[in-house]
Amino acid sequence: MIAEERLVVPADQMRRMLVRMAHEIVEANGGTESLALVGICTRGVPLAQRLQSAIEDFEGISVPLGQLDITLYRDDLFSGRSLEVRRTELPMDINGTHLILVDDVLYTGRTVRAALDALMDYGRPRSIGLAVLVDRGHRELPIRPDHVGKNVPSAADEQVLVRVAEIDGRDEVVIASSAGFREEGKD
């Protein structure tokens, strides 16, 4: 049960953040050549789709897009928690690409570590970058995002929830305070 939520990013600001991030990704890559996006399931996938759409809008090129399920690579796989396995789809050869991993919230860094492990089973990109909508701090691993929508300082006992219309029916980022919050936004 979530006791209190505080809106930190409304839908219009989220849209602008994603467009800015798309421009940054193309600029940092020197264009779209060899660029590929891979969304981390679950909310990283629609965010990657939106980045792809924004890049296509201003570059006129649809960069390859995939989705990655990291469930079986998690370091808490055998914690007794029930985990849902989703589908990994990489419809492109990732060897030699400038691959951008996309996720909703960067917290401890454990989800990104699992994603890196998973990607190595599919090939060897030339480089891997990280784009996150929200960086909330509290890192446990030496992982740093290359592209950030917004830094959202939060307490360790708070939950940062990214909601996307494709899954949640609305776009927003909120900070939730409660002992009984759901598991999203915790990596």
N, C-alpha and C. Protein backbone atom coordinates (compact mmCIF):
# COMPACT_ATOMS: atom_id res chain seq x y z
N MET A 1 0.84 -1.19 0.00
CA MET A 1 0.00 0.00 0.00
C MET A 1 0.88 1.24 0.00
N ILE A 2 0.66 2.12 -0.96
CA ILE A 2 1.44 3.34 -1.04
C ILE A 2 0.73 4.42 -0.26
N ALA A 3 1.40 4.96 0.73
CA ALA A 3 0.79 5.96 1.60
C ALA A 3 0.75 7.33 0.96
N GLU A 4 1.83 7.72 0.30
CA GLU A 4 1.90 9.08 -0.24
C GLU A 4 2.76 9.10 -1.49
N GLU A 5 2.31 9.81 -2.50
CA GLU A 5 3.09 9.98 -3.72
C GLU A 5 3.26 11.46 -4.01
N ARG A 6 4.48 11.79 -4.45
CA ARG A 6 4.78 13.17 -4.82
C ARG A 6 5.21 13.19 -6.28
N LEU A 7 4.47 13.93 -7.12
CA LEU A 7 4.79 14.03 -8.54
C LEU A 7 6.07 14.82 -8.72
N VAL A 8 7.05 14.23 -9.45
CA VAL A 8 8.30 14.94 -9.72
C VAL A 8 8.50 15.21 -11.20
N VAL A 9 7.85 14.43 -12.07
CA VAL A 9 7.94 14.66 -13.51
C VAL A 9 6.56 14.39 -14.12
N PRO A 10 5.89 15.45 -14.60
CA PRO A 10 4.61 15.24 -15.29
C PRO A 10 4.85 14.79 -16.74
N ALA A 11 3.79 14.39 -17.42
CA ALA A 11 3.86 13.81 -18.76
C ALA A 11 4.56 14.71 -19.77
N ASP A 12 4.24 16.00 -19.77
CA ASP A 12 4.84 16.90 -20.77
C ASP A 12 6.35 17.04 -20.55
N GLN A 13 6.78 17.08 -19.32
CA GLN A 13 8.21 17.16 -19.03
C GLN A 13 8.90 15.85 -19.41
N MET A 14 8.24 14.70 -19.19
CA MET A 14 8.82 13.42 -19.57
C MET A 14 9.04 13.36 -21.08
N ARG A 15 8.07 13.83 -21.83
CA ARG A 15 8.20 13.86 -23.29
C ARG A 15 9.41 14.70 -23.71
N ARG A 16 9.55 15.89 -23.13
CA ARG A 16 10.69 16.76 -23.47
C ARG A 16 12.02 16.12 -23.07
N MET A 17 12.05 15.45 -21.93
CA MET A 17 13.27 14.78 -21.48
C MET A 17 13.70 13.72 -22.50
N LEU A 18 12.74 12.94 -22.98
CA LEU A 18 13.06 11.88 -23.93
C LEU A 18 13.55 12.44 -25.27
N VAL A 19 12.95 13.53 -25.73
CA VAL A 19 13.40 14.15 -26.98
C VAL A 19 14.83 14.68 -26.81
N ARG A 20 15.10 15.32 -25.68
CA ARG A 20 16.46 15.81 -25.40
C ARG A 20 17.45 14.66 -25.36
N MET A 21 17.09 13.58 -24.68
CA MET A 21 17.97 12.42 -24.59
C MET A 21 18.24 11.82 -25.97
N ALA A 22 17.22 11.78 -26.83
CA ALA A 22 17.39 11.25 -28.19
C ALA A 22 18.42 12.07 -28.94
N HIS A 23 18.34 13.40 -28.83
CA HIS A 23 19.31 14.29 -29.47
C HIS A 23 20.72 14.03 -28.91
N GLU A 24 20.83 13.89 -27.59
CA GLU A 24 22.12 13.65 -26.95
C GLU A 24 22.74 12.33 -27.43
N ILE A 25 21.90 11.30 -27.56
CA ILE A 25 22.39 9.99 -27.99
C ILE A 25 22.97 10.08 -29.40
N VAL A 26 22.25 10.71 -30.31
CA VAL A 26 22.72 10.85 -31.69
C VAL A 26 23.98 11.70 -31.75
N GLU A 27 23.98 12.80 -31.00
CA GLU A 27 25.16 13.68 -30.98
C GLU A 27 26.39 12.94 -30.44
N ALA A 28 26.23 12.22 -29.32
CA ALA A 28 27.36 11.50 -28.73
C ALA A 28 27.88 10.40 -29.65
N ASN A 29 26.99 9.84 -30.47
CA ASN A 29 27.37 8.77 -31.40
C ASN A 29 27.92 9.32 -32.71
N GLY A 30 27.79 10.62 -32.92
CA GLY A 30 28.23 11.21 -34.19
C GLY A 30 27.30 10.87 -35.33
N GLY A 31 26.02 10.67 -35.03
CA GLY A 31 25.03 10.30 -36.03
C GLY A 31 24.35 9.00 -35.65
N THR A 32 23.74 8.36 -36.63
CA THR A 32 22.99 7.13 -36.34
C THR A 32 23.68 5.87 -36.86
N GLU A 33 24.81 6.03 -37.51
CA GLU A 33 25.50 4.85 -38.05
C GLU A 33 25.92 3.91 -36.93
N SER A 34 25.58 2.65 -37.07
CA SER A 34 25.89 1.57 -36.12
C SER A 34 25.19 1.74 -34.77
N LEU A 35 24.25 2.67 -34.66
CA LEU A 35 23.54 2.91 -33.42
C LEU A 35 22.39 1.92 -33.28
N ALA A 36 22.21 1.37 -32.09
CA ALA A 36 21.08 0.47 -31.79
C ALA A 36 20.62 0.75 -30.36
N LEU A 37 19.32 0.62 -30.14
CA LEU A 37 18.72 0.82 -28.82
C LEU A 37 18.20 -0.51 -28.31
N VAL A 38 18.39 -0.77 -27.01
CA VAL A 38 17.86 -1.97 -26.38
C VAL A 38 17.22 -1.57 -25.06
N GLY A 39 15.90 -1.75 -24.98
CA GLY A 39 15.18 -1.45 -23.76
C GLY A 39 15.22 -2.63 -22.81
N ILE A 40 15.46 -2.35 -21.53
CA ILE A 40 15.44 -3.38 -20.50
C ILE A 40 13.99 -3.55 -20.05
N CYS A 41 13.52 -4.81 -20.10
CA CYS A 41 12.14 -5.08 -19.68
C CYS A 41 11.98 -4.67 -18.22
N THR A 42 10.97 -3.99 -17.85
CA THR A 42 9.70 -3.79 -18.51
C THR A 42 9.59 -2.37 -19.05
N ARG A 43 9.77 -1.36 -18.22
CA ARG A 43 9.52 0.01 -18.65
C ARG A 43 10.61 0.60 -19.52
N GLY A 44 11.76 -0.02 -19.58
CA GLY A 44 12.79 0.43 -20.50
C GLY A 44 12.42 0.22 -21.95
N VAL A 45 11.54 -0.74 -22.21
CA VAL A 45 11.14 -1.03 -23.59
C VAL A 45 10.33 0.11 -24.20
N PRO A 46 9.23 0.56 -23.58
CA PRO A 46 8.51 1.69 -24.19
C PRO A 46 9.34 2.97 -24.23
N LEU A 47 10.23 3.16 -23.27
CA LEU A 47 11.09 4.34 -23.30
C LEU A 47 12.05 4.25 -24.48
N ALA A 48 12.59 3.06 -24.76
CA ALA A 48 13.46 2.88 -25.93
C ALA A 48 12.68 3.10 -27.22
N GLN A 49 11.44 2.64 -27.26
CA GLN A 49 10.60 2.87 -28.44
C GLN A 49 10.38 4.36 -28.67
N ARG A 50 10.18 5.11 -27.61
CA ARG A 50 9.98 6.56 -27.74
C ARG A 50 11.27 7.25 -28.20
N LEU A 51 12.41 6.79 -27.69
CA LEU A 51 13.68 7.35 -28.15
C LEU A 51 13.88 7.05 -29.64
N GLN A 52 13.57 5.83 -30.05
CA GLN A 52 13.67 5.46 -31.46
C GLN A 52 12.78 6.36 -32.32
N SER A 53 11.57 6.59 -31.87
CA SER A 53 10.63 7.43 -32.61
C SER A 53 11.13 8.87 -32.71
N ALA A 54 11.67 9.39 -31.62
CA ALA A 54 12.20 10.76 -31.63
C ALA A 54 13.38 10.87 -32.58
N ILE A 55 14.27 9.88 -32.57
CA ILE A 55 15.42 9.89 -33.48
C ILE A 55 14.94 9.85 -34.93
N GLU A 56 13.94 9.02 -35.20
CA GLU A 56 13.40 8.94 -36.55
C GLU A 56 12.78 10.26 -36.98
N ASP A 57 12.12 10.95 -36.04
CA ASP A 57 11.50 12.25 -36.35
C ASP A 57 12.52 13.28 -36.82
N PHE A 58 13.68 13.34 -36.16
CA PHE A 58 14.63 14.40 -36.55
C PHE A 58 15.77 13.92 -37.44
N GLU A 59 16.01 12.62 -37.53
CA GLU A 59 17.08 12.11 -38.40
C GLU A 59 16.54 11.43 -39.65
N GLY A 60 15.27 11.04 -39.63
CA GLY A 60 14.69 10.35 -40.78
C GLY A 60 15.14 8.91 -40.92
N ILE A 61 15.73 8.36 -39.87
CA ILE A 61 16.24 6.98 -39.89
C ILE A 61 15.70 6.26 -38.66
N SER A 62 15.22 5.04 -38.87
CA SER A 62 14.75 4.22 -37.77
C SER A 62 15.92 3.34 -37.31
N VAL A 63 16.47 3.65 -36.14
CA VAL A 63 17.59 2.84 -35.63
C VAL A 63 17.05 1.51 -35.12
N PRO A 64 17.84 0.45 -35.20
CA PRO A 64 17.39 -0.86 -34.71
C PRO A 64 17.03 -0.79 -33.22
N LEU A 65 16.01 -1.57 -32.87
CA LEU A 65 15.49 -1.56 -31.51
C LEU A 65 15.26 -2.98 -31.04
N GLY A 66 15.70 -3.27 -29.83
CA GLY A 66 15.46 -4.59 -29.24
C GLY A 66 15.00 -4.45 -27.81
N GLN A 67 14.66 -5.58 -27.22
CA GLN A 67 14.30 -5.59 -25.81
C GLN A 67 15.02 -6.73 -25.13
N LEU A 68 15.41 -6.51 -23.88
CA LEU A 68 16.25 -7.45 -23.15
C LEU A 68 15.61 -7.79 -21.82
N ASP A 69 15.42 -9.08 -21.58
CA ASP A 69 14.95 -9.54 -20.28
C ASP A 69 16.16 -9.99 -19.48
N ILE A 70 16.32 -9.43 -18.29
CA ILE A 70 17.51 -9.73 -17.49
C ILE A 70 17.19 -10.65 -16.30
N THR A 71 15.97 -11.16 -16.24
CA THR A 71 15.52 -11.94 -15.08
C THR A 71 16.49 -13.04 -14.69
N LEU A 72 16.92 -13.84 -15.65
CA LEU A 72 17.79 -14.98 -15.32
C LEU A 72 19.23 -14.58 -15.03
N TYR A 73 19.55 -13.29 -15.15
CA TYR A 73 20.90 -12.79 -14.88
C TYR A 73 20.96 -12.00 -13.57
N ARG A 74 19.83 -11.89 -12.89
CA ARG A 74 19.77 -11.11 -11.65
C ARG A 74 20.55 -11.80 -10.54
N ASP A 75 21.16 -11.02 -9.65
CA ASP A 75 21.91 -11.62 -8.55
C ASP A 75 21.01 -12.02 -7.39
N ASP A 76 19.69 -11.70 -7.49
CA ASP A 76 18.75 -12.13 -6.47
C ASP A 76 17.79 -13.19 -7.01
N LEU A 77 18.21 -13.88 -8.07
CA LEU A 77 17.36 -14.86 -8.75
C LEU A 77 16.86 -15.94 -7.79
N PHE A 78 17.68 -16.35 -6.86
CA PHE A 78 17.31 -17.44 -5.96
C PHE A 78 16.95 -16.93 -4.56
N SER A 79 16.43 -15.71 -4.51
CA SER A 79 16.09 -15.11 -3.22
C SER A 79 14.75 -15.59 -2.68
N GLY A 80 14.03 -16.41 -3.45
CA GLY A 80 12.72 -16.87 -3.01
C GLY A 80 11.59 -16.01 -3.54
N ARG A 81 11.94 -14.88 -4.10
CA ARG A 81 10.95 -13.98 -4.70
C ARG A 81 10.49 -14.55 -6.03
N SER A 82 9.23 -14.36 -6.34
CA SER A 82 8.70 -14.80 -7.63
C SER A 82 9.07 -13.78 -8.70
N LEU A 83 9.74 -14.24 -9.74
CA LEU A 83 10.17 -13.36 -10.82
C LEU A 83 9.54 -13.82 -12.13
N GLU A 84 9.05 -12.88 -12.90
CA GLU A 84 8.43 -13.18 -14.19
C GLU A 84 9.46 -13.07 -15.31
N VAL A 85 9.62 -14.15 -16.08
CA VAL A 85 10.54 -14.14 -17.20
C VAL A 85 9.81 -13.59 -18.41
N ARG A 86 10.41 -12.61 -19.07
CA ARG A 86 9.84 -12.01 -20.27
C ARG A 86 10.68 -12.41 -21.47
N ARG A 87 10.37 -11.86 -22.60
CA ARG A 87 11.05 -12.25 -23.84
C ARG A 87 12.17 -11.26 -24.19
N THR A 88 13.30 -11.81 -24.58
CA THR A 88 14.37 -11.00 -25.16
C THR A 88 14.21 -11.06 -26.66
N GLU A 89 14.22 -9.90 -27.29
CA GLU A 89 14.14 -9.80 -28.75
C GLU A 89 15.21 -8.85 -29.23
N LEU A 90 16.19 -9.37 -29.92
CA LEU A 90 17.24 -8.55 -30.52
C LEU A 90 17.22 -8.82 -32.02
N PRO A 91 16.38 -8.09 -32.76
CA PRO A 91 16.22 -8.36 -34.19
C PRO A 91 17.36 -7.82 -35.05
N MET A 92 18.48 -7.55 -34.42
CA MET A 92 19.65 -7.07 -35.14
C MET A 92 20.88 -7.77 -34.58
N ASP A 93 21.92 -7.80 -35.38
CA ASP A 93 23.20 -8.31 -34.92
C ASP A 93 23.84 -7.21 -34.08
N ILE A 94 24.10 -7.48 -32.81
CA ILE A 94 24.66 -6.42 -31.96
C ILE A 94 26.17 -6.31 -32.07
N ASN A 95 26.82 -7.24 -32.75
CA ASN A 95 28.27 -7.17 -32.91
C ASN A 95 28.65 -5.89 -33.66
N GLY A 96 29.57 -5.15 -33.07
CA GLY A 96 30.07 -3.94 -33.72
C GLY A 96 29.18 -2.73 -33.61
N THR A 97 28.05 -2.84 -32.92
CA THR A 97 27.15 -1.68 -32.80
C THR A 97 27.56 -0.77 -31.66
N HIS A 98 27.06 0.44 -31.73
CA HIS A 98 27.11 1.36 -30.60
C HIS A 98 25.74 1.20 -29.95
N LEU A 99 25.68 0.37 -28.94
CA LEU A 99 24.42 -0.03 -28.34
C LEU A 99 24.10 0.83 -27.13
N ILE A 100 22.88 1.30 -27.07
CA ILE A 100 22.43 2.09 -25.93
C ILE A 100 21.39 1.28 -25.17
N LEU A 101 21.72 0.91 -23.94
CA LEU A 101 20.77 0.27 -23.04
C LEU A 101 19.85 1.34 -22.49
N VAL A 102 18.55 1.06 -22.44
CA VAL A 102 17.58 2.04 -21.95
C VAL A 102 16.81 1.44 -20.78
N ASP A 103 16.74 2.19 -19.68
CA ASP A 103 15.96 1.74 -18.53
C ASP A 103 15.24 2.94 -17.92
N ASP A 104 14.30 2.64 -17.04
CA ASP A 104 13.52 3.71 -16.44
C ASP A 104 14.24 4.37 -15.27
N VAL A 105 14.71 3.59 -14.30
CA VAL A 105 15.33 4.14 -13.09
C VAL A 105 16.68 3.47 -12.86
N LEU A 106 17.69 4.27 -12.60
CA LEU A 106 18.98 3.74 -12.18
C LEU A 106 19.09 3.97 -10.68
N TYR A 107 19.29 2.89 -9.96
CA TYR A 107 19.35 2.95 -8.50
C TYR A 107 20.66 2.31 -8.06
N THR A 108 20.67 1.05 -7.70
CA THR A 108 21.89 0.40 -7.20
C THR A 108 22.88 0.06 -8.30
N GLY A 109 22.38 -0.13 -9.53
CA GLY A 109 23.23 -0.53 -10.64
C GLY A 109 23.16 -2.02 -10.94
N ARG A 110 22.46 -2.77 -10.12
CA ARG A 110 22.41 -4.23 -10.29
C ARG A 110 21.64 -4.66 -11.54
N THR A 111 20.60 -3.93 -11.91
CA THR A 111 19.88 -4.26 -13.15
C THR A 111 20.78 -4.06 -14.35
N VAL A 112 21.54 -2.99 -14.37
CA VAL A 112 22.45 -2.71 -15.49
C VAL A 112 23.54 -3.77 -15.55
N ARG A 113 24.08 -4.17 -14.41
CA ARG A 113 25.08 -5.23 -14.40
C ARG A 113 24.51 -6.51 -15.00
N ALA A 114 23.29 -6.85 -14.63
CA ALA A 114 22.64 -8.04 -15.18
C ALA A 114 22.44 -7.89 -16.69
N ALA A 115 22.07 -6.69 -17.12
CA ALA A 115 21.86 -6.45 -18.55
C ALA A 115 23.17 -6.60 -19.33
N LEU A 116 24.26 -6.12 -18.78
CA LEU A 116 25.56 -6.28 -19.44
C LEU A 116 25.92 -7.75 -19.57
N ASP A 117 25.69 -8.51 -18.51
CA ASP A 117 25.95 -9.95 -18.56
C ASP A 117 25.09 -10.61 -19.64
N ALA A 118 23.83 -10.26 -19.70
CA ALA A 118 22.91 -10.85 -20.69
C ALA A 118 23.34 -10.50 -22.10
N LEU A 119 23.71 -9.25 -22.34
CA LEU A 119 24.11 -8.82 -23.69
C LEU A 119 25.31 -9.61 -24.21
N MET A 120 26.23 -9.95 -23.34
CA MET A 120 27.43 -10.67 -23.77
C MET A 120 27.09 -12.05 -24.32
N ASP A 121 25.93 -12.58 -23.96
CA ASP A 121 25.50 -13.86 -24.52
C ASP A 121 25.00 -13.71 -25.96
N TYR A 122 24.78 -12.49 -26.40
CA TYR A 122 24.23 -12.24 -27.74
C TYR A 122 25.25 -11.66 -28.71
N GLY A 123 26.40 -11.26 -28.22
CA GLY A 123 27.40 -10.71 -29.12
C GLY A 123 28.28 -9.70 -28.40
N ARG A 124 29.06 -9.00 -29.22
CA ARG A 124 30.02 -8.04 -28.66
C ARG A 124 29.85 -6.70 -29.36
N PRO A 125 29.08 -5.80 -28.74
CA PRO A 125 28.95 -4.46 -29.32
C PRO A 125 30.28 -3.73 -29.29
N ARG A 126 30.43 -2.76 -30.18
CA ARG A 126 31.64 -1.93 -30.17
C ARG A 126 31.70 -1.11 -28.88
N SER A 127 30.52 -0.61 -28.47
CA SER A 127 30.42 0.13 -27.22
C SER A 127 29.01 -0.02 -26.68
N ILE A 128 28.88 0.13 -25.36
CA ILE A 128 27.57 0.09 -24.71
C ILE A 128 27.43 1.34 -23.88
N GLY A 129 26.36 2.09 -24.13
CA GLY A 129 26.04 3.26 -23.34
C GLY A 129 24.77 2.99 -22.55
N LEU A 130 24.50 3.87 -21.61
CA LEU A 130 23.33 3.71 -20.76
C LEU A 130 22.52 4.99 -20.76
N ALA A 131 21.24 4.85 -21.07
CA ALA A 131 20.29 5.97 -21.01
C ALA A 131 19.21 5.61 -20.01
N VAL A 132 19.01 6.47 -19.02
CA VAL A 132 17.97 6.24 -18.02
C VAL A 132 17.12 7.49 -17.90
N LEU A 133 15.83 7.28 -17.71
CA LEU A 133 14.94 8.42 -17.53
C LEU A 133 15.23 9.10 -16.20
N VAL A 134 15.46 8.30 -15.15
CA VAL A 134 15.70 8.84 -13.81
C VAL A 134 16.93 8.19 -13.18
N ASP A 135 17.81 9.03 -12.67
CA ASP A 135 18.93 8.55 -11.85
C ASP A 135 18.64 8.99 -10.43
N ARG A 136 18.43 8.05 -9.55
CA ARG A 136 18.06 8.39 -8.17
C ARG A 136 19.22 8.27 -7.19
N GLY A 137 20.41 7.87 -7.68
CA GLY A 137 21.56 7.75 -6.79
C GLY A 137 21.54 6.44 -6.01
N HIS A 138 22.31 6.38 -4.93
CA HIS A 138 22.41 5.21 -4.05
C HIS A 138 23.07 4.01 -4.74
N ARG A 139 24.06 4.26 -5.59
CA ARG A 139 24.71 3.19 -6.34
C ARG A 139 25.46 2.24 -5.43
N GLU A 140 25.37 0.95 -5.73
CA GLU A 140 26.13 -0.09 -5.05
C GLU A 140 27.25 -0.62 -5.94
N LEU A 141 27.14 -0.36 -7.24
CA LEU A 141 28.14 -0.81 -8.21
C LEU A 141 28.66 0.40 -8.98
N PRO A 142 29.87 0.31 -9.53
CA PRO A 142 30.45 1.45 -10.24
C PRO A 142 29.86 1.60 -11.65
N ILE A 143 28.60 1.99 -11.71
CA ILE A 143 27.89 2.15 -12.97
C ILE A 143 27.39 3.58 -13.06
N ARG A 144 27.61 4.20 -14.23
CA ARG A 144 27.24 5.59 -14.44
C ARG A 144 26.48 5.71 -15.75
N PRO A 145 25.35 6.44 -15.74
CA PRO A 145 24.61 6.60 -17.00
C PRO A 145 25.29 7.62 -17.91
N ASP A 146 25.15 7.40 -19.22
CA ASP A 146 25.67 8.34 -20.20
C ASP A 146 24.64 9.41 -20.55
N HIS A 147 23.37 9.05 -20.46
CA HIS A 147 22.28 9.96 -20.81
C HIS A 147 21.21 9.85 -19.74
N VAL A 148 20.88 10.98 -19.11
CA VAL A 148 19.93 11.00 -18.00
C VAL A 148 18.84 12.01 -18.28
N GLY A 149 17.60 11.57 -18.11
CA GLY A 149 16.48 12.50 -18.24
C GLY A 149 16.46 13.47 -17.08
N LYS A 150 16.55 12.94 -15.86
CA LYS A 150 16.51 13.79 -14.67
C LYS A 150 17.14 13.05 -13.50
N ASN A 151 17.93 13.77 -12.72
CA ASN A 151 18.43 13.26 -11.44
C ASN A 151 17.37 13.56 -10.40
N VAL A 152 16.94 12.54 -9.68
CA VAL A 152 15.90 12.70 -8.67
C VAL A 152 16.45 12.20 -7.34
N PRO A 153 16.99 13.11 -6.54
CA PRO A 153 17.49 12.69 -5.22
C PRO A 153 16.33 12.11 -4.40
N SER A 154 16.61 11.00 -3.75
CA SER A 154 15.58 10.34 -2.96
C SER A 154 16.23 9.60 -1.81
N ALA A 155 15.46 9.37 -0.78
CA ALA A 155 15.95 8.60 0.36
C ALA A 155 15.91 7.13 0.00
N ALA A 156 16.75 6.35 0.65
CA ALA A 156 16.81 4.91 0.37
C ALA A 156 15.48 4.21 0.67
N ASP A 157 14.70 4.75 1.60
CA ASP A 157 13.42 4.11 1.93
C ASP A 157 12.26 4.64 1.09
N GLU A 158 12.56 5.48 0.12
CA GLU A 158 11.53 5.95 -0.81
C GLU A 158 11.59 5.13 -2.09
N GLN A 159 10.53 5.18 -2.83
CA GLN A 159 10.42 4.46 -4.10
C GLN A 159 10.25 5.49 -5.21
N VAL A 160 11.05 5.39 -6.27
CA VAL A 160 10.87 6.24 -7.44
C VAL A 160 10.14 5.40 -8.48
N LEU A 161 8.95 5.82 -8.85
CA LEU A 161 8.12 5.07 -9.79
C LEU A 161 8.01 5.83 -11.10
N VAL A 162 8.41 5.18 -12.19
CA VAL A 162 8.20 5.73 -13.53
C VAL A 162 6.98 5.01 -14.08
N ARG A 163 6.01 5.79 -14.48
CA ARG A 163 4.81 5.23 -15.10
C ARG A 163 4.79 5.65 -16.56
N VAL A 164 4.50 4.68 -17.43
CA VAL A 164 4.41 4.95 -18.86
C VAL A 164 3.02 4.54 -19.35
N ALA A 165 2.50 5.32 -20.26
CA ALA A 165 1.13 5.11 -20.74
C ALA A 165 0.93 3.70 -21.30
N GLU A 166 1.93 3.16 -21.97
CA GLU A 166 1.80 1.84 -22.59
C GLU A 166 1.53 0.73 -21.57
N ILE A 167 1.99 0.92 -20.35
CA ILE A 167 1.84 -0.11 -19.31
C ILE A 167 0.90 0.36 -18.21
N ASP A 168 1.03 1.61 -17.80
CA ASP A 168 0.34 2.13 -16.62
C ASP A 168 -0.85 3.04 -16.93
N GLY A 169 -1.03 3.37 -18.20
CA GLY A 169 -2.15 4.24 -18.57
C GLY A 169 -1.87 5.72 -18.47
N ARG A 170 -0.69 6.09 -17.98
CA ARG A 170 -0.33 7.51 -17.90
C ARG A 170 1.19 7.63 -17.79
N ASP A 171 1.69 8.81 -18.16
CA ASP A 171 3.12 9.10 -18.07
C ASP A 171 3.36 10.00 -16.87
N GLU A 172 4.28 9.60 -16.00
CA GLU A 172 4.69 10.43 -14.87
C GLU A 172 5.80 9.74 -14.11
N VAL A 173 6.48 10.53 -13.29
CA VAL A 173 7.45 10.00 -12.34
C VAL A 173 7.03 10.54 -10.98
N VAL A 174 6.92 9.63 -10.03
CA VAL A 174 6.54 10.01 -8.67
C VAL A 174 7.52 9.41 -7.68
N ILE A 175 7.61 10.05 -6.52
CA ILE A 175 8.33 9.47 -5.38
C ILE A 175 7.26 9.02 -4.40
N ALA A 176 7.34 7.76 -4.01
CA ALA A 176 6.37 7.17 -3.08
C ALA A 176 7.06 6.92 -1.75
N SER A 177 6.35 7.23 -0.69
CA SER A 177 6.85 6.99 0.66
C SER A 177 5.91 6.03 1.36
N SER A 178 6.42 4.86 1.71
CA SER A 178 5.63 3.87 2.44
C SER A 178 6.47 2.63 2.65
N ALA A 179 6.16 1.89 3.66
CA ALA A 179 6.86 0.63 3.91
C ALA A 179 6.36 -0.46 2.98
N GLY A 180 5.18 -0.30 2.39
CA GLY A 180 4.60 -1.36 1.59
C GLY A 180 4.56 -1.06 0.11
N PHE A 181 5.55 -0.34 -0.43
CA PHE A 181 5.50 -0.01 -1.86
C PHE A 181 5.83 -1.21 -2.71
N ARG A 182 5.46 -1.11 -3.99
CA ARG A 182 5.74 -2.21 -4.92
C ARG A 182 7.19 -2.15 -5.37
N GLU A 183 7.62 -3.14 -6.10
CA GLU A 183 9.03 -3.34 -6.40
C GLU A 183 9.58 -2.56 -7.58
N GLU A 184 8.79 -1.81 -8.30
CA GLU A 184 9.31 -1.06 -9.44
C GLU A 184 10.32 -0.03 -8.97
N GLY A 185 11.24 0.34 -9.83
CA GLY A 185 12.19 1.39 -9.53
C GLY A 185 13.30 0.94 -8.60
N LYS A 186 13.29 -0.31 -8.21
CA LYS A 186 14.37 -0.85 -7.38
C LYS A 186 15.16 -1.80 -8.24
N ASP A 187 16.39 -1.50 -8.52
CA ASP A 187 17.20 -2.45 -9.28
C ASP A 187 18.26 -2.96 -8.39
